[in-house]
């Protein structure tokens, strides 16, 4: 299953940013939510803000597919670090922002790829510039094509720009990422044909009946072999060769319209 975020619709629901504010202090949630709303209004960005009083409450509502998460580091129960890891296991694309009063970020926290760290005491005086950058970043990500994958009852959202290729496995598929190699491959229950149906128009092509490739990451094509930018070498099957070469030629032609390429 896939969805193209940022696509215009009559009611503009698709362009609305879903913002989660998770903090065990009601006063701090109010300050942050008001800052988000005021900045978004000034930027002309529609937002829907949902507040959560704990990490547990946030994770109970994880299927809301938040675009931004503002997360307090120090909370009762699940603290910010524990909540961040749980959140990232099911939502890899949201803009994650840690909010803290006194807590110092630990090296572990960088593993969940936070975009910013905000100091609570500076939100009212210096928060507008940071908030503008955060909203702009989330709006940019929302324009990308996202693949929604399910595995063992858990939902994951993956930016198609991060996908190198997707291969068949015994039941479902494996998704290989361009970065975060410790996370690859990601297993999902979807059929390869169903995934390809959503990605075909976004520079993905079959190179073999067993895998589809993101043409963006093809570094070299030689005969029946293609090499991805990370060094991965894949065989182009005889049955898919003509189809793949045509798709790659179209991709290069669209990317470099003033030049002629042959494959």
Protein backbone atom coordinates (compact mmCIF):
# COMPACT_ATOMS: atom_id res chain seq x y z
CA UNK A 1 0.00 0.00 0.00
CA UNK A 2 1.25 3.50 -0.69
CA UNK A 3 0.08 7.06 -0.45
CA UNK A 4 1.30 10.22 -2.14
CA UNK A 5 1.42 12.95 0.46
CA UNK A 6 0.96 16.57 -0.44
CA UNK A 7 -1.34 15.88 -3.39
CA UNK A 8 -4.07 18.51 -3.73
CA UNK A 9 -7.61 17.48 -2.89
CA UNK A 10 -10.81 19.47 -2.87
CA UNK A 11 -10.99 19.62 0.92
CA UNK A 12 -7.18 19.99 1.31
CA UNK A 13 -7.14 17.28 3.99
CA UNK A 14 -4.09 15.66 2.42
CA UNK A 15 -1.92 18.76 2.89
CA UNK A 16 -2.77 19.15 6.59
CA UNK A 17 0.10 18.43 8.95
CA UNK A 18 -0.72 16.12 11.83
CA UNK A 19 1.19 17.31 14.89
CA UNK A 20 1.59 15.37 18.14
CA UNK A 21 2.62 17.13 21.35
CA UNK A 22 3.64 14.65 24.03
CA UNK A 23 4.43 16.10 27.47
CA UNK A 24 3.23 15.24 30.97
CA UNK A 25 2.86 18.96 31.78
CA UNK A 26 -0.44 20.49 30.68
CA UNK A 27 1.05 23.99 30.84
CA UNK A 28 3.97 23.03 28.60
CA UNK A 29 1.63 21.31 26.14
CA UNK A 30 -0.46 24.47 25.93
CA UNK A 31 2.56 26.69 25.25
CA UNK A 32 3.91 24.41 22.54
CA UNK A 33 0.53 23.85 20.88
CA UNK A 34 -0.15 27.59 20.76
CA UNK A 35 3.27 28.23 19.24
CA UNK A 36 2.66 25.57 16.59
CA UNK A 37 -0.78 26.97 15.76
CA UNK A 38 0.34 30.60 15.57
CA UNK A 39 3.39 29.83 13.43
CA UNK A 40 1.41 27.54 11.12
CA UNK A 41 -1.31 30.17 10.67
CA UNK A 42 1.31 32.77 9.74
CA UNK A 43 2.84 30.36 7.22
CA UNK A 44 -0.51 29.34 5.76
CA UNK A 45 -0.03 25.71 6.71
CA UNK A 46 -3.10 23.83 8.01
CA UNK A 47 -2.34 21.75 11.09
CA UNK A 48 -4.19 19.33 13.31
CA UNK A 49 -2.68 19.20 16.80
CA UNK A 50 -3.20 16.25 19.14
CA UNK A 51 -1.89 16.40 22.70
CA UNK A 52 -0.74 13.40 24.73
CA UNK A 53 0.00 13.40 28.46
CA UNK A 54 2.33 10.39 28.33
CA UNK A 55 4.36 8.18 26.04
CA UNK A 56 1.90 5.39 26.68
CA UNK A 57 -1.00 7.54 25.42
CA UNK A 58 0.94 8.44 22.29
CA UNK A 59 1.76 4.83 21.44
CA UNK A 60 -1.89 3.82 21.90
CA UNK A 61 -2.70 6.25 19.06
CA UNK A 62 0.26 5.44 16.80
CA UNK A 63 -1.99 4.68 13.79
CA UNK A 64 -2.74 8.42 13.53
CA UNK A 65 0.35 8.70 11.28
CA UNK A 66 1.73 11.90 12.80
CA UNK A 67 3.88 14.15 10.60
CA UNK A 68 5.58 15.90 13.54
CA UNK A 69 6.20 14.76 17.10
CA UNK A 70 7.21 17.18 19.84
CA UNK A 71 8.42 14.96 22.66
CA UNK A 72 9.33 15.86 26.22
CA UNK A 73 12.50 14.08 27.34
CA UNK A 74 11.60 13.82 31.03
CA UNK A 75 8.22 12.16 31.67
CA UNK A 76 6.77 9.76 34.18
CA UNK A 77 6.35 6.20 32.96
CA UNK A 78 7.84 5.96 29.46
CA UNK A 79 10.42 8.72 29.28
CA UNK A 80 11.25 10.60 26.09
CA UNK A 81 14.01 8.26 24.99
CA UNK A 82 11.94 5.10 25.44
CA UNK A 83 8.96 6.71 23.74
CA UNK A 84 11.09 7.92 20.83
CA UNK A 85 12.43 4.43 20.10
CA UNK A 86 8.91 2.94 20.26
CA UNK A 87 7.57 5.70 18.02
CA UNK A 88 10.37 5.34 15.47
CA UNK A 89 9.80 1.59 15.22
CA UNK A 90 6.44 2.36 13.59
CA UNK A 91 6.85 5.86 12.15
CA UNK A 92 10.22 6.44 10.50
CA UNK A 93 9.35 9.61 8.61
CA UNK A 94 7.85 12.01 11.11
CA UNK A 95 9.90 15.06 12.04
CA UNK A 96 10.94 14.30 15.62
CA UNK A 97 11.67 17.20 17.95
CA UNK A 98 12.84 16.70 21.53
CA UNK A 99 11.66 19.33 24.01
CA UNK A 100 13.47 19.68 27.32
CA UNK A 101 13.83 21.89 30.33
CA UNK A 102 17.08 20.62 31.81
CA UNK A 103 17.75 17.16 30.39
CA UNK A 104 20.85 16.76 28.24
CA UNK A 105 20.44 14.60 25.10
CA UNK A 106 22.26 11.27 25.29
CA UNK A 107 24.17 9.68 22.39
CA UNK A 108 21.42 7.03 22.19
CA UNK A 109 18.88 9.68 21.26
CA UNK A 110 20.63 10.42 17.98
CA UNK A 111 19.72 6.90 16.82
CA UNK A 112 16.10 8.02 16.42
CA UNK A 113 17.14 10.88 14.10
CA UNK A 114 15.77 13.94 15.90
CA UNK A 115 15.50 17.07 13.78
CA UNK A 116 15.78 19.61 16.59
CA UNK A 117 16.14 19.97 20.36
CA UNK A 118 14.08 22.80 21.86
CA UNK A 119 14.57 24.33 25.31
CA UNK A 120 11.26 24.95 27.06
CA UNK A 121 12.50 28.18 28.65
CA UNK A 122 13.26 29.60 25.19
CA UNK A 123 10.03 28.65 23.40
CA UNK A 124 8.34 32.01 23.90
CA UNK A 125 11.43 34.12 23.18
CA UNK A 126 13.22 32.17 20.45
CA UNK A 127 10.81 29.44 19.37
CA UNK A 128 9.32 31.02 16.26
CA UNK A 129 12.39 30.57 14.05
CA UNK A 130 12.81 26.93 15.06
CA UNK A 131 9.09 26.28 14.65
CA UNK A 132 9.07 27.74 11.13
CA UNK A 133 11.94 25.43 10.12
CA UNK A 134 10.21 22.41 11.68
CA UNK A 135 6.91 23.04 9.90
CA UNK A 136 8.68 23.68 6.59
CA UNK A 137 10.64 20.43 6.92
CA UNK A 138 7.47 18.43 7.66
CA UNK A 139 5.64 20.02 4.73
CA UNK A 140 8.50 19.05 2.40
CA UNK A 141 8.45 15.45 3.63
CA UNK A 142 4.70 15.30 3.16
CA UNK A 143 5.13 15.86 -0.57
CA UNK A 144 7.04 12.61 -0.92
CA UNK A 145 5.58 9.24 -1.80
CA UNK A 146 5.35 7.04 1.27
CA UNK A 147 5.07 3.28 1.39
CA UNK A 148 2.93 1.99 4.24
CA UNK A 149 4.08 -1.49 5.20
CA UNK A 150 2.69 -3.91 7.76
CA UNK A 151 4.60 -6.65 9.54
CA UNK A 152 3.41 -8.73 12.48
CA UNK A 153 0.63 -6.26 13.24
CA UNK A 154 2.89 -3.20 13.22
CA UNK A 155 2.62 -0.39 10.71
CA UNK A 156 5.63 1.38 9.21
CA UNK A 157 5.81 4.38 6.89
CA UNK A 158 8.82 4.56 4.59
CA UNK A 159 9.80 7.43 2.33
CA UNK A 160 10.25 5.94 -1.14
CA UNK A 161 13.33 8.14 -1.63
CA UNK A 162 15.10 6.03 1.00
CA UNK A 163 14.38 2.70 -0.69
CA UNK A 164 17.13 1.09 -2.77
CA UNK A 165 15.12 -1.92 -3.88
CA UNK A 166 12.38 -4.28 -2.72
CA UNK A 167 12.77 -8.03 -3.01
CA UNK A 168 10.54 -11.05 -2.63
CA UNK A 169 10.83 -13.31 0.38
CA UNK A 170 8.92 -16.45 1.25
CA UNK A 171 5.96 -14.53 2.61
CA UNK A 172 5.84 -10.89 1.61
CA UNK A 173 8.80 -8.65 0.81
CA UNK A 174 12.03 -7.22 2.14
CA UNK A 175 12.67 -3.49 1.78
CA UNK A 176 16.32 -2.44 1.48
CA UNK A 177 17.15 1.12 2.50
CA UNK A 178 19.80 3.52 1.27
CA UNK A 179 20.75 4.52 4.83
CA UNK A 180 20.63 3.08 8.32
CA UNK A 181 22.04 -0.25 7.22
CA UNK A 182 21.51 -1.67 10.69
CA UNK A 183 17.78 -1.47 9.94
CA UNK A 184 17.88 -3.21 6.56
CA UNK A 185 16.18 -5.17 5.34
CA UNK A 186 12.73 -4.30 6.64
CA UNK A 187 10.24 -7.15 6.38
CA UNK A 188 6.66 -6.53 5.32
CA UNK A 189 3.66 -8.70 4.52
CA UNK A 190 2.71 -6.94 1.26
CA UNK A 191 2.93 -8.58 -2.16
CA UNK A 192 5.66 -7.24 -4.41
CA UNK A 193 3.18 -6.72 -7.26
CA UNK A 194 0.95 -4.59 -5.00
CA UNK A 195 3.87 -2.45 -3.85
CA UNK A 196 5.06 -1.95 -7.42
CA UNK A 197 1.60 -0.84 -8.52
CA UNK A 198 1.95 2.17 -6.22
CA UNK A 199 5.59 2.95 -7.03
CA UNK A 200 5.68 2.32 -10.79
CA UNK A 201 5.11 6.00 -11.61
CA UNK A 202 7.79 7.11 -9.16
CA UNK A 203 10.95 5.77 -10.80
CA UNK A 204 10.77 2.15 -9.68
CA UNK A 205 11.12 -0.70 -12.16
CA UNK A 206 11.33 -4.49 -12.24
CA UNK A 207 14.85 -5.68 -12.94
CA UNK A 208 13.91 -9.24 -12.10
CA UNK A 209 10.67 -11.00 -11.16
CA UNK A 210 12.08 -11.15 -7.63
CA UNK A 211 12.79 -7.45 -7.09
CA UNK A 212 11.98 -3.90 -8.12
CA UNK A 213 14.66 -1.20 -8.07
CA UNK A 214 14.63 2.51 -7.33
CA UNK A 215 16.15 3.90 -10.54
CA UNK A 216 17.40 6.93 -8.62
CA UNK A 217 20.06 4.72 -7.02
CA UNK A 218 21.25 2.86 -10.13
CA UNK A 219 24.91 3.81 -10.56
CA UNK A 220 25.76 1.55 -13.52
CA UNK A 221 24.14 -0.85 -15.95
CA UNK A 222 26.31 -3.33 -17.86
CA UNK A 223 24.61 -6.06 -19.83
CA UNK A 224 22.73 -8.27 -17.39
CA UNK A 225 24.10 -6.55 -14.29
CA UNK A 226 23.15 -3.37 -12.49
CA UNK A 227 25.07 -1.78 -9.63
CA UNK A 228 23.42 0.45 -7.05
CA UNK A 229 25.12 3.47 -5.50
CA UNK A 230 25.86 1.58 -2.29
CA UNK A 231 27.72 -1.10 -4.28
CA UNK A 232 24.94 -3.69 -4.32
CA UNK A 233 25.06 -5.71 -7.56
CA UNK A 234 21.84 -7.22 -8.93
CA UNK A 235 21.17 -9.39 -11.95
CA UNK A 236 18.80 -8.17 -14.65
CA UNK A 237 16.78 -11.15 -15.78
CA UNK A 238 16.39 -11.94 -19.45
CA UNK A 239 12.62 -11.61 -19.26
CA UNK A 240 12.83 -8.14 -17.66
CA UNK A 241 15.87 -6.77 -19.51
CA UNK A 242 14.13 -4.84 -22.27
CA UNK A 243 11.49 -3.46 -19.90
CA UNK A 244 14.12 -2.38 -17.36
CA UNK A 245 16.39 -0.71 -19.92
CA UNK A 246 13.46 1.27 -21.33
CA UNK A 247 12.44 2.40 -17.86
CA UNK A 248 16.00 3.43 -17.03
CA UNK A 249 16.33 5.33 -20.31
CA UNK A 250 13.09 7.21 -19.57
CA UNK A 251 14.35 8.05 -16.09
CA UNK A 252 17.64 9.43 -17.43
CA UNK A 253 15.83 11.33 -20.18
CA UNK A 254 13.55 13.01 -17.65
CA UNK A 255 16.42 13.79 -15.30
CA UNK A 256 18.79 15.07 -18.00
CA UNK A 257 16.50 16.26 -20.81
CA UNK A 258 19.24 18.11 -22.70
CA UNK A 259 21.44 15.05 -23.10
CA UNK A 260 21.04 11.80 -24.96
CA UNK A 261 21.71 8.48 -23.24
CA UNK A 262 21.75 4.95 -24.52
CA UNK A 263 21.49 1.85 -22.34
